[in-house]
Amino acid sequence: MSEKNSHLSVPINVEQIQALLPHRYPFLLVDRVIEIVPNVSVVAIKNATINEPFFQGHFPGHPVMPGVLIVEAMAQTAGLLTQISRHLNGDKGSPLFYLVKIDNARFSAPVVPGDQLRLEVAQKRLVRGMGLFVARTLVDGKEVASCELMCAARAEK
């Protein structure tokens, strides 16, 4: 990771993501982190391929990524922002962050096989283990989904 004016441009690969998040196939929905400003914002990538299991049944003959999974990808990206920020701040603990609230979810275009999702998440606030984030997903520079997310930390026992 290299630092430039308090902005990190960090290609974080899927193996590193797996060290930060508990999610695994078929529910790991982030392939790479391409930008991060700790405690502020993160940009990640998810490549939607026809090999995704959800495309087989949603919908046969007209595959579309379920909106709830786009929201989950944004939530995982918010989790990465929190975990990477904690790591860079020297925090050795790694609590799980649970999605507890979704507000103002909007879907403006379908996501289909071959699309690359650009997941952009900004932290609005983080207080006492509760984080509020604004998120949006773009495909080819066009917004396809957006929402506000609230996540809560649960310390490991």
Foldseek 3Di string as FASTA:
>chain_A
DDDDPLWDQDWDAPVNLVVQAVDDPPQQFFGTWGIARAQWKTKTKGAAACPRVQQVVCPVVFGFPDLVSVVSNLVSRVSVSNRVNCVVVVNPFRWHKAWDDKADKDFDDTDGHGWMKIKMKTWPDADPQKTKIKIFIDTPNHTGIIIIIIIGTDTDD
